[in-house]
């Protein structure tokens, strides 16, 4: 689509896998990925990868 965007990478805690505080500040569950547009924040309903 050729739209400009800003990608921010957040690293989870290596042992607990908890989201970093800056991600929890955007979404109370620390969900990712997130898309923010004009003050609207959209979060994925399922994980981006599955671990078995």
N, C-alpha and C. Protein backbone atom coordinates (compact mmCIF):
# COMPACT_ATOMS: atom_id res chain seq x y z
N UNK A 1 0.82 -1.20 0.00
CA UNK A 1 0.00 0.00 0.00
C UNK A 1 0.86 1.26 0.00
N UNK A 2 2.10 1.13 0.40
CA UNK A 2 3.01 2.26 0.37
C UNK A 2 2.76 3.31 1.44
N UNK A 3 2.10 2.94 2.55
CA UNK A 3 1.82 3.89 3.62
C UNK A 3 3.00 3.97 4.57
N UNK A 4 3.31 5.17 5.06
CA UNK A 4 4.40 5.29 6.02
C UNK A 4 3.99 4.69 7.37
N UNK A 5 4.96 4.14 8.08
CA UNK A 5 4.69 3.57 9.40
C UNK A 5 5.96 3.63 10.25
N UNK A 6 5.78 3.48 11.55
CA UNK A 6 6.90 3.42 12.48
C UNK A 6 6.83 2.08 13.20
N UNK A 7 7.89 1.31 13.16
CA UNK A 7 7.95 0.02 13.80
C UNK A 7 8.72 0.16 15.10
N UNK A 8 8.09 -0.25 16.22
CA UNK A 8 8.76 -0.24 17.51
C UNK A 8 8.88 -1.67 18.00
N UNK A 9 10.09 -2.08 18.34
CA UNK A 9 10.32 -3.44 18.82
C UNK A 9 10.45 -3.41 20.33
N UNK A 10 9.66 -4.26 20.99
CA UNK A 10 9.72 -4.39 22.44
C UNK A 10 10.20 -5.79 22.76
N UNK A 11 11.12 -5.89 23.71
CA UNK A 11 11.66 -7.17 24.09
C UNK A 11 11.05 -7.63 25.41
N UNK A 12 10.50 -8.83 25.40
CA UNK A 12 9.91 -9.39 26.61
C UNK A 12 11.02 -9.89 27.55
N UNK A 13 10.68 -10.00 28.83
CA UNK A 13 11.63 -10.48 29.82
C UNK A 13 12.06 -11.90 29.42
N UNK A 14 13.35 -12.20 29.42
CA UNK A 14 13.81 -13.49 28.90
C UNK A 14 13.35 -14.70 29.73
N UNK A 15 13.08 -14.53 31.01
CA UNK A 15 12.68 -15.66 31.85
C UNK A 15 11.16 -15.73 31.99
N UNK A 16 10.54 -14.60 32.36
CA UNK A 16 9.09 -14.61 32.63
C UNK A 16 8.25 -14.41 31.38
N UNK A 17 8.85 -13.90 30.31
CA UNK A 17 8.16 -13.57 29.05
C UNK A 17 7.13 -12.47 29.22
N UNK A 18 7.22 -11.70 30.33
CA UNK A 18 6.30 -10.58 30.55
C UNK A 18 6.66 -9.42 29.64
N UNK A 19 5.65 -8.63 29.30
CA UNK A 19 5.86 -7.47 28.45
C UNK A 19 6.60 -6.38 29.22
N UNK A 20 7.38 -5.57 28.53
CA UNK A 20 8.08 -4.46 29.19
C UNK A 20 7.07 -3.38 29.60
N UNK A 21 7.40 -2.55 30.59
CA UNK A 21 6.48 -1.53 31.08
C UNK A 21 5.94 -0.59 29.99
N UNK A 22 6.77 -0.26 29.01
CA UNK A 22 6.31 0.67 27.96
C UNK A 22 5.21 0.05 27.09
N UNK A 23 5.21 -1.28 26.96
CA UNK A 23 4.16 -1.96 26.20
C UNK A 23 2.90 -2.10 27.06
N UNK A 24 3.06 -2.40 28.35
CA UNK A 24 1.91 -2.49 29.26
C UNK A 24 1.24 -1.12 29.38
N UNK A 25 2.00 -0.05 29.26
CA UNK A 25 1.42 1.30 29.31
C UNK A 25 0.47 1.54 28.13
N UNK A 26 0.72 0.87 27.01
CA UNK A 26 -0.15 1.02 25.83
C UNK A 26 -1.34 0.08 25.88
N UNK A 27 -1.14 -1.15 26.43
CA UNK A 27 -2.19 -2.15 26.51
C UNK A 27 -2.06 -2.86 27.85
N UNK A 28 -3.12 -2.91 28.67
CA UNK A 28 -3.01 -3.46 30.02
C UNK A 28 -2.53 -4.91 30.09
N UNK A 29 -2.74 -5.69 29.05
CA UNK A 29 -2.27 -7.06 29.04
C UNK A 29 -0.91 -7.21 28.37
N UNK A 30 -0.36 -6.10 27.88
CA UNK A 30 0.92 -6.15 27.19
C UNK A 30 0.82 -6.87 25.86
N UNK A 31 -0.35 -6.81 25.23
CA UNK A 31 -0.59 -7.51 23.97
C UNK A 31 0.23 -6.90 22.84
N UNK A 32 0.63 -7.76 21.92
CA UNK A 32 1.34 -7.33 20.73
C UNK A 32 0.99 -8.31 19.62
N UNK A 33 0.92 -7.93 18.41
CA UNK A 33 1.22 -6.59 17.90
C UNK A 33 0.07 -5.61 18.14
N UNK A 34 0.43 -4.32 18.09
CA UNK A 34 -0.52 -3.23 18.23
C UNK A 34 -0.42 -2.33 17.01
N UNK A 35 -1.55 -1.77 16.64
CA UNK A 35 -1.57 -0.75 15.59
C UNK A 35 -2.27 0.46 16.18
N UNK A 36 -1.63 1.63 16.08
CA UNK A 36 -2.22 2.86 16.57
C UNK A 36 -2.38 3.83 15.39
N UNK A 37 -3.58 4.33 15.22
CA UNK A 37 -3.87 5.26 14.13
C UNK A 37 -4.88 6.29 14.62
N UNK A 38 -4.52 7.54 14.56
CA UNK A 38 -5.41 8.64 14.94
C UNK A 38 -6.04 8.43 16.31
N UNK A 39 -5.25 7.97 17.30
CA UNK A 39 -5.74 7.79 18.66
C UNK A 39 -6.48 6.47 18.89
N UNK A 40 -6.67 5.66 17.86
CA UNK A 40 -7.33 4.37 17.99
C UNK A 40 -6.26 3.29 18.09
N UNK A 41 -6.37 2.45 19.12
CA UNK A 41 -5.39 1.40 19.33
C UNK A 41 -6.04 0.05 19.08
N UNK A 42 -5.46 -0.73 18.16
CA UNK A 42 -5.97 -2.06 17.82
C UNK A 42 -4.95 -3.10 18.23
N UNK A 43 -5.42 -4.15 18.92
CA UNK A 43 -4.54 -5.23 19.34
C UNK A 43 -4.98 -6.52 18.69
N UNK A 44 -4.02 -7.39 18.46
CA UNK A 44 -4.31 -8.70 17.90
C UNK A 44 -5.13 -9.51 18.89
N UNK A 45 -6.06 -10.33 18.41
CA UNK A 45 -6.87 -11.16 19.28
C UNK A 45 -6.20 -12.48 19.59
N UNK A 46 -5.18 -12.85 18.85
CA UNK A 46 -4.47 -14.09 19.12
C UNK A 46 -2.97 -13.86 18.96
N UNK A 47 -2.16 -14.72 19.56
CA UNK A 47 -0.71 -14.53 19.47
C UNK A 47 -0.22 -14.57 18.04
N UNK A 48 0.88 -13.85 17.81
CA UNK A 48 1.46 -13.83 16.47
C UNK A 48 2.19 -15.12 16.14
N UNK A 49 2.56 -15.89 17.17
CA UNK A 49 3.19 -17.20 16.94
C UNK A 49 2.66 -18.17 17.99
N UNK A 50 2.72 -19.44 17.67
CA UNK A 50 2.21 -20.47 18.56
C UNK A 50 3.35 -21.34 19.03
N UNK A 51 3.38 -21.60 20.33
CA UNK A 51 4.39 -22.48 20.89
C UNK A 51 3.71 -23.75 21.37
N UNK A 52 4.21 -24.90 20.93
CA UNK A 52 3.64 -26.18 21.35
C UNK A 52 4.52 -26.84 22.36
